Protein backbone atom coordinates (compact mmCIF):
# COMPACT_ATOMS: atom_id res chain seq x y z
CA MET A 1 0.00 0.02 -0.03
CA ASP A 2 1.21 3.30 -0.94
CA GLU A 3 0.65 6.86 0.43
CA LYS A 4 -2.19 7.41 -2.19
CA ASP A 5 -3.95 4.30 -0.78
CA LEU A 6 -3.65 5.45 2.59
CA ALA A 7 -5.01 8.74 1.75
CA ILE A 8 -7.83 7.20 -0.12
CA LEU A 9 -8.75 5.03 2.95
CA ASN A 10 -8.72 8.10 5.35
CA PHE A 11 -11.19 9.86 3.11
CA LEU A 12 -13.65 7.16 2.58
CA GLN A 13 -13.77 6.00 6.26
CA LYS A 14 -14.64 9.62 7.33
CA ASN A 15 -17.39 9.61 4.42
CA CYS A 16 -18.09 6.64 2.26
CA LYS A 17 -19.91 8.93 0.10
CA THR A 18 -16.96 10.88 -1.11
CA THR A 19 -16.71 10.57 -4.85
CA ALA A 20 -13.95 9.34 -6.69
CA LYS A 21 -13.53 12.33 -8.27
CA GLU A 22 -13.38 14.30 -4.99
CA ILE A 23 -10.99 12.05 -3.79
CA ALA A 24 -8.83 12.31 -6.89
CA ARG A 25 -9.10 15.94 -6.75
CA LYS A 26 -7.84 16.04 -3.07
CA ILE A 27 -4.86 13.62 -3.62
CA ASN A 28 -3.62 15.04 -7.07
CA SER A 29 -4.26 11.73 -8.82
CA PRO A 30 -6.43 10.72 -12.05
CA ILE A 31 -9.98 9.59 -11.24
CA THR A 32 -9.05 6.25 -13.16
CA THR A 33 -6.26 5.68 -10.62
CA VAL A 34 -8.33 6.16 -7.57
CA PHE A 35 -11.05 4.01 -8.98
CA ALA A 36 -8.77 0.98 -9.49
CA LYS A 37 -7.31 1.40 -6.10
CA ILE A 38 -10.41 1.49 -4.37
CA LYS A 39 -11.40 -1.77 -6.46
CA ARG A 40 -8.31 -3.38 -5.68
CA MET A 41 -8.71 -2.66 -1.92
CA GLU A 42 -12.18 -3.87 -2.09
CA GLN A 43 -11.24 -7.33 -3.67
CA GLN A 44 -8.25 -7.53 -1.09
CA GLY A 45 -10.77 -7.11 1.57
CA ILE A 46 -8.90 -3.88 3.07
CA ILE A 47 -12.24 -2.16 2.31
CA LYS A 48 -14.82 -4.74 3.80
CA GLU A 49 -17.87 -2.66 3.23
CA TYR A 50 -19.62 0.59 3.00
CA ARG A 51 -22.48 1.50 5.79
CA ALA A 52 -24.31 4.27 7.48
CA ILE A 53 -23.62 4.90 11.03
CA LEU A 54 -26.64 5.90 12.91
CA ASP A 55 -27.59 7.97 15.76
CA HIS A 56 -28.73 5.34 18.30
CA LYS A 57 -30.09 7.84 20.75
CA LYS A 58 -32.37 9.18 18.18
CA LEU A 59 -33.68 5.71 17.11
CA ASP A 60 -34.33 5.06 20.97
CA PHE A 61 -31.51 2.95 21.52
CA GLY A 62 -30.21 5.16 24.19
CA VAL A 63 -28.54 2.48 26.41
CA THR A 64 -24.99 1.09 25.69
CA ALA A 65 -23.76 -1.87 27.63
CA PHE A 66 -20.60 -3.87 27.93
CA ILE A 67 -21.02 -7.42 29.11
CA LEU A 68 -18.13 -9.49 30.30
CA ALA A 69 -18.84 -13.31 30.00
CA SER A 70 -17.08 -16.45 31.08
CA PHE A 71 -17.62 -19.98 30.43
CA SER A 72 -17.04 -23.29 31.54
CA TYR A 73 -14.99 -25.23 29.04
CA ARG A 74 -16.88 -28.49 30.13
CA THR A 75 -20.57 -28.61 31.49
CA SER A 76 -20.13 -32.19 32.45
CA LYS A 77 -16.91 -34.32 33.01
CA GLU A 78 -17.73 -36.67 30.06
CA GLU A 79 -18.31 -33.78 27.71
CA VAL A 80 -15.73 -32.59 25.07
CA PRO A 81 -14.68 -29.27 25.90
CA LEU A 82 -16.51 -26.39 24.70
CA SER A 83 -14.84 -23.88 22.22
CA GLN A 84 -14.45 -20.18 23.21
CA ARG A 85 -14.74 -19.42 19.45
CA ALA A 86 -17.95 -21.47 19.14
CA ILE A 87 -19.49 -19.63 21.98
CA ALA A 88 -18.52 -16.40 20.55
CA GLU A 89 -19.77 -17.18 17.10
CA GLN A 90 -23.26 -18.03 18.96
CA ILE A 91 -23.38 -14.78 20.65
CA SER A 92 -22.53 -13.02 17.44
CA LYS A 93 -25.80 -14.45 15.82
CA PHE A 94 -27.99 -12.34 18.71
CA PRO A 95 -29.02 -9.06 16.71
CA GLU A 96 -28.47 -7.29 20.24
CA ALA A 97 -24.78 -8.15 20.13
CA GLN A 98 -23.12 -4.94 18.22
CA GLU A 99 -19.29 -6.54 19.07
CA VAL A 100 -18.18 -9.74 20.35
CA HIS A 101 -14.67 -9.95 21.43
CA ILE A 102 -12.87 -13.09 22.63
CA ILE A 103 -10.54 -11.31 25.51
CA SER A 104 -7.65 -12.12 27.82
CA GLY A 105 -7.94 -11.99 31.43
CA ASP A 106 -10.59 -13.40 34.18
CA TRP A 107 -13.28 -13.06 31.50
CA ASP A 108 -13.54 -14.90 28.29
CA ILE A 109 -15.74 -12.80 26.27
CA LEU A 110 -16.82 -9.14 25.77
CA ILE A 111 -20.09 -8.15 24.30
CA LYS A 112 -21.12 -4.48 23.26
CA VAL A 113 -24.95 -3.92 23.20
CA LYS A 114 -27.02 -1.08 22.30
CA ASP A 115 -30.61 -1.08 23.28
CA LYS A 116 -33.78 0.84 24.46
CA SER A 117 -33.62 0.34 28.06
CA VAL A 118 -31.56 -1.23 31.00
CA ASP A 119 -34.73 -3.59 31.33
CA SER A 120 -34.26 -4.45 27.37
CA VAL A 121 -30.50 -5.25 28.44
CA GLY A 122 -31.26 -7.37 31.13
CA LYS A 123 -34.09 -9.30 29.22
CA PHE A 124 -31.08 -10.07 26.74
CA VAL A 125 -28.48 -11.11 29.48
CA ILE A 126 -31.32 -13.63 31.29
CA ASP A 127 -33.23 -14.60 28.45
CA LYS A 128 -30.53 -14.99 25.61
CA LEU A 129 -27.09 -14.83 26.74
CA ARG A 130 -27.25 -16.98 30.00
CA THR A 131 -28.85 -19.58 27.96
CA VAL A 132 -25.89 -20.27 25.84
CA LYS A 133 -24.54 -23.53 26.76
CA GLY A 134 -21.13 -23.12 28.74
CA ILE A 135 -22.13 -19.58 29.95
CA GLU A 136 -21.16 -19.77 33.71
CA LYS A 137 -21.24 -15.86 34.46
CA THR A 138 -21.84 -12.60 33.08
CA LEU A 139 -20.99 -9.10 34.37
CA THR A 140 -23.10 -6.19 32.74
CA CYS A 141 -21.52 -2.31 32.70
CA ILE A 142 -24.04 0.26 31.74
CA ALA A 143 -22.25 3.40 29.98
CA PHE A 144 -23.42 6.47 31.62
CA ASP A 145 -22.03 8.57 28.98
CA THR A 146 -19.84 8.11 25.59
CA PRO A 147 -17.41 10.91 24.77
CA LYS A 148 -16.00 9.08 21.94
CA GLU A 149 -16.99 6.27 19.83
CA THR A 150 -15.46 5.83 16.47
CA THR A 151 -15.06 2.98 13.62
CA THR A 152 -12.24 5.05 12.38
CA ILE A 153 -8.37 3.75 12.15
CA PRO A 154 -6.06 6.31 12.79
CA ILE A 155 -4.11 6.26 9.21
CA PRO A 156 -1.14 8.38 9.15
CA VAL A 157 -0.98 10.30 5.81
CA SER A 158 1.66 12.74 4.80
CA SER A 159 0.49 16.57 4.64
CA LYS A 160 2.97 16.86 1.63
CA MET A 161 0.19 14.25 -0.25
CA PHE A 162 -2.27 17.40 -0.66
CA GLN A 163 0.02 20.17 -1.55
CA SER A 164 -0.56 21.41 -5.47
CA LYS A 165 1.83 20.50 -7.96
C-alpha cells in the first residue's frame, strides 16, 4: 500500500459517500487511478463494506452496555471441552450484540450491546445470553456517557500528499 492508498482510505472511512472525483482532486491523482485503487482494496478485503453509522439515541436505543462473560469449558466431566470461538460465534448471532470479542484475563468474552432500556439489556442477558450452553457468569456494565465512539482507524498520511503540484 502506498501513500495514495492510505489517503483514499482516510477519505472513505470519514465519509464513504466521498466521490472518486473528489478524492482524486484532493490527492492530485487521476480519477481512473483512484477507481482502480478502491476496486483493488475492495477485492483484497482491505475495504470490507460501506455502511451508514446511525445515531442510536435518535432511534431510541439510548442504552449502551458492555457485558463480560465467562464460561465453563466443560459442562460435565464426560463432555468434549467447549470452544471459546464457537460460543463467541453463537453470541454473535444475537441481533442485540453489536460487537463480540474474545478477550484475555479473568473473563472470556466481551459483548457490546445497544438497546432501548436497562430492562431490555437485562432481558437479553437473562433470556438469551445466559441460555448459551457453557456460559457460567456475566457482568454487565452500563455506559453513563460516551465521549468518543468511532469506527475510524488512525491512518497516518503525509501532509505533503495534499499540496498542489
